[in-house]
Amino acid sequence: FKAIQQKLESLQPPTPPIPKTPKLPGI
């Protein structure tokens, strides 16, 4: 079962980290 889970995880594309860049006026 672990082998199947690892295979599914390897097939799924890694989610890119979302950069937190708040646009604050005046800064």
PDB file of N, CA and C in Angstrom:
ATOM      1  N   PHE A   1       0.847  -1.207   0.000  1.00  0.00           N
ATOM      2  CA  PHE A   1       0.000   0.000   0.000  1.00  0.00           C
ATOM      3  C   PHE A   1       0.882   1.256   0.000  1.00  0.00           C
ATOM      4  N   LYS A   2       1.973   1.201   0.742  1.00  0.00           N
ATOM      5  CA  LYS A   2       2.872   2.361   0.795  1.00  0.00           C
ATOM      6  C   LYS A   2       3.491   2.626  -0.568  1.00  0.00           C
ATOM      7  N   ALA A   3       3.796   1.554  -1.284  1.00  0.00           N
ATOM      8  CA  ALA A   3       4.410   1.733  -2.610  1.00  0.00           C
ATOM      9  C   ALA A   3       3.428   2.433  -3.544  1.00  0.00           C
ATOM     10  N   ILE A   4       2.164   2.052  -3.453  1.00  0.00           N
ATOM     11  CA  ILE A   4       1.149   2.677  -4.311  1.00  0.00           C
ATOM     12  C   ILE A   4       0.978   4.147  -3.942  1.00  0.00           C
ATOM     13  N   GLN A   5       1.002   4.441  -2.632  1.00  0.00           N
ATOM     14  CA  GLN A   5       0.847   5.828  -2.185  1.00  0.00           C
ATOM     15  C   GLN A   5       2.020   6.674  -2.664  1.00  0.00           C
ATOM     16  N   GLN A   6       3.225   6.119  -2.588  1.00  0.00           N
ATOM     17  CA  GLN A   6       4.398   6.861  -3.040  1.00  0.00           C
ATOM     18  C   GLN A   6       4.324   7.101  -4.544  1.00  0.00           C
ATOM     19  N   LYS A   7       3.813   6.122  -5.279  1.00  0.00           N
ATOM     20  CA  LYS A   7       3.712   6.264  -6.736  1.00  0.00           C
ATOM     21  C   LYS A   7       2.696   7.357  -7.085  1.00  0.00           C
ATOM     22  N   LEU A   8       1.584   7.403  -6.345  1.00  0.00           N
ATOM     23  CA  LEU A   8       0.584   8.442  -6.601  1.00  0.00           C
ATOM     24  C   LEU A   8       1.154   9.815  -6.275  1.00  0.00           C
ATOM     25  N   GLU A   9       1.918   9.907  -5.192  1.00  0.00           N
ATOM     26  CA  GLU A   9       2.499  11.193  -4.806  1.00  0.00           C
ATOM     27  C   GLU A   9       3.529  11.642  -5.826  1.00  0.00           C
ATOM     28  N   SER A  10       4.241  10.683  -6.405  1.00  0.00           N
ATOM     29  CA  SER A  10       5.268  11.046  -7.381  1.00  0.00           C
ATOM     30  C   SER A  10       4.617  11.499  -8.686  1.00  0.00           C
ATOM     31  N   LEU A  11       3.413  10.972  -8.975  1.00  0.00           N
ATOM     32  CA  LEU A  11       2.733  11.357 -10.214  1.00  0.00           C
ATOM     33  C   LEU A  11       2.131  12.756 -10.094  1.00  0.00           C
ATOM     34  N   GLN A  12       1.708  13.115  -8.873  1.00  0.00           N
ATOM     35  CA  GLN A  12       1.105  14.434  -8.689  1.00  0.00           C
ATOM     36  C   GLN A  12       2.170  15.518  -8.767  1.00  0.00           C
ATOM     37  N   PRO A  13       1.924  16.586  -9.531  1.00  0.00           N
ATOM     38  CA  PRO A  13       2.881  17.690  -9.634  1.00  0.00           C
ATOM     39  C   PRO A  13       2.952  18.443  -8.315  1.00  0.00           C
ATOM     40  N   PRO A  14       4.141  18.837  -7.899  1.00  0.00           N
ATOM     41  CA  PRO A  14       4.294  19.561  -6.636  1.00  0.00           C
ATOM     42  C   PRO A  14       3.654  20.943  -6.716  1.00  0.00           C
ATOM     43  N   THR A  15       2.957  21.321  -5.661  1.00  0.00           N
ATOM     44  CA  THR A  15       2.301  22.630  -5.659  1.00  0.00           C
ATOM     45  C   THR A  15       3.331  23.720  -5.403  1.00  0.00           C
ATOM     46  N   PRO A  16       3.409  24.702  -6.288  1.00  0.00           N
ATOM     47  CA  PRO A  16       4.377  25.787  -6.112  1.00  0.00           C
ATOM     48  C   PRO A  16       3.997  26.656  -4.921  1.00  0.00           C
ATOM     49  N   PRO A  17       4.969  27.065  -4.115  1.00  0.00           N
ATOM     50  CA  PRO A  17       4.675  27.911  -2.953  1.00  0.00           C
ATOM     51  C   PRO A  17       4.165  29.279  -3.386  1.00  0.00           C
ATOM     52  N   ILE A  18       3.097  29.726  -2.749  1.00  0.00           N
ATOM     53  CA  ILE A  18       2.522  31.030  -3.106  1.00  0.00           C
ATOM     54  C   ILE A  18       3.240  32.135  -2.332  1.00  0.00           C
ATOM     55  N   PRO A  19       3.947  33.016  -3.044  1.00  0.00           N
ATOM     56  CA  PRO A  19       4.657  34.113  -2.368  1.00  0.00           C
ATOM     57  C   PRO A  19       3.672  35.134  -1.814  1.00  0.00           C
ATOM     58  N   LYS A  20       3.814  35.437  -0.519  1.00  0.00           N
ATOM     59  CA  LYS A  20       2.910  36.410   0.097  1.00  0.00           C
ATOM     60  C   LYS A  20       3.497  37.807  -0.064  1.00  0.00           C
ATOM     61  N   THR A  21       2.970  38.550  -1.042  1.00  0.00           N
ATOM     62  CA  THR A  21       3.462  39.912  -1.272  1.00  0.00           C
ATOM     63  C   THR A  21       2.289  40.882  -1.191  1.00  0.00           C
ATOM     64  N   PRO A  22       1.983  41.328   0.023  1.00  0.00           N
ATOM     65  CA  PRO A  22       0.858  42.264   0.187  1.00  0.00           C
ATOM     66  C   PRO A  22       1.191  43.622  -0.403  1.00  0.00           C
ATOM     67  N   LYS A  23       0.278  44.132  -1.233  1.00  0.00           N
ATOM     68  CA  LYS A  23       0.522  45.442  -1.846  1.00  0.00           C
ATOM     69  C   LYS A  23      -0.076  46.527  -0.950  1.00  0.00           C
ATOM     70  N   LEU A  24       0.774  47.122  -0.120  1.00  0.00           N
ATOM     71  CA  LEU A  24       0.307  48.172   0.777  1.00  0.00           C
ATOM     72  C   LEU A  24       0.682  49.533   0.220  1.00  0.00           C
ATOM     73  N   PRO A  25      -0.283  50.436   0.102  1.00  0.00           N
ATOM     74  CA  PRO A  25       0.000  51.776  -0.429  1.00  0.00           C
ATOM     75  C   PRO A  25       0.814  52.596   0.564  1.00  0.00           C
ATOM     76  N   GLY A  26       1.779  53.337   0.051  1.00  0.00           N
ATOM     77  CA  GLY A  26       2.578  54.197   0.906  1.00  0.00           C
ATOM     78  C   GLY A  26       3.857  53.535   1.383  1.00  0.00           C
ATOM     79  N   ILE A  27       4.049  52.255   1.048  1.00  0.00           N
ATOM     80  CA  ILE A  27       5.272  51.567   1.484  1.00  0.00           C
ATOM     81  C   ILE A  27       6.176  51.307   0.278  1.00  0.00           C
TER      82      ILE A  27
END
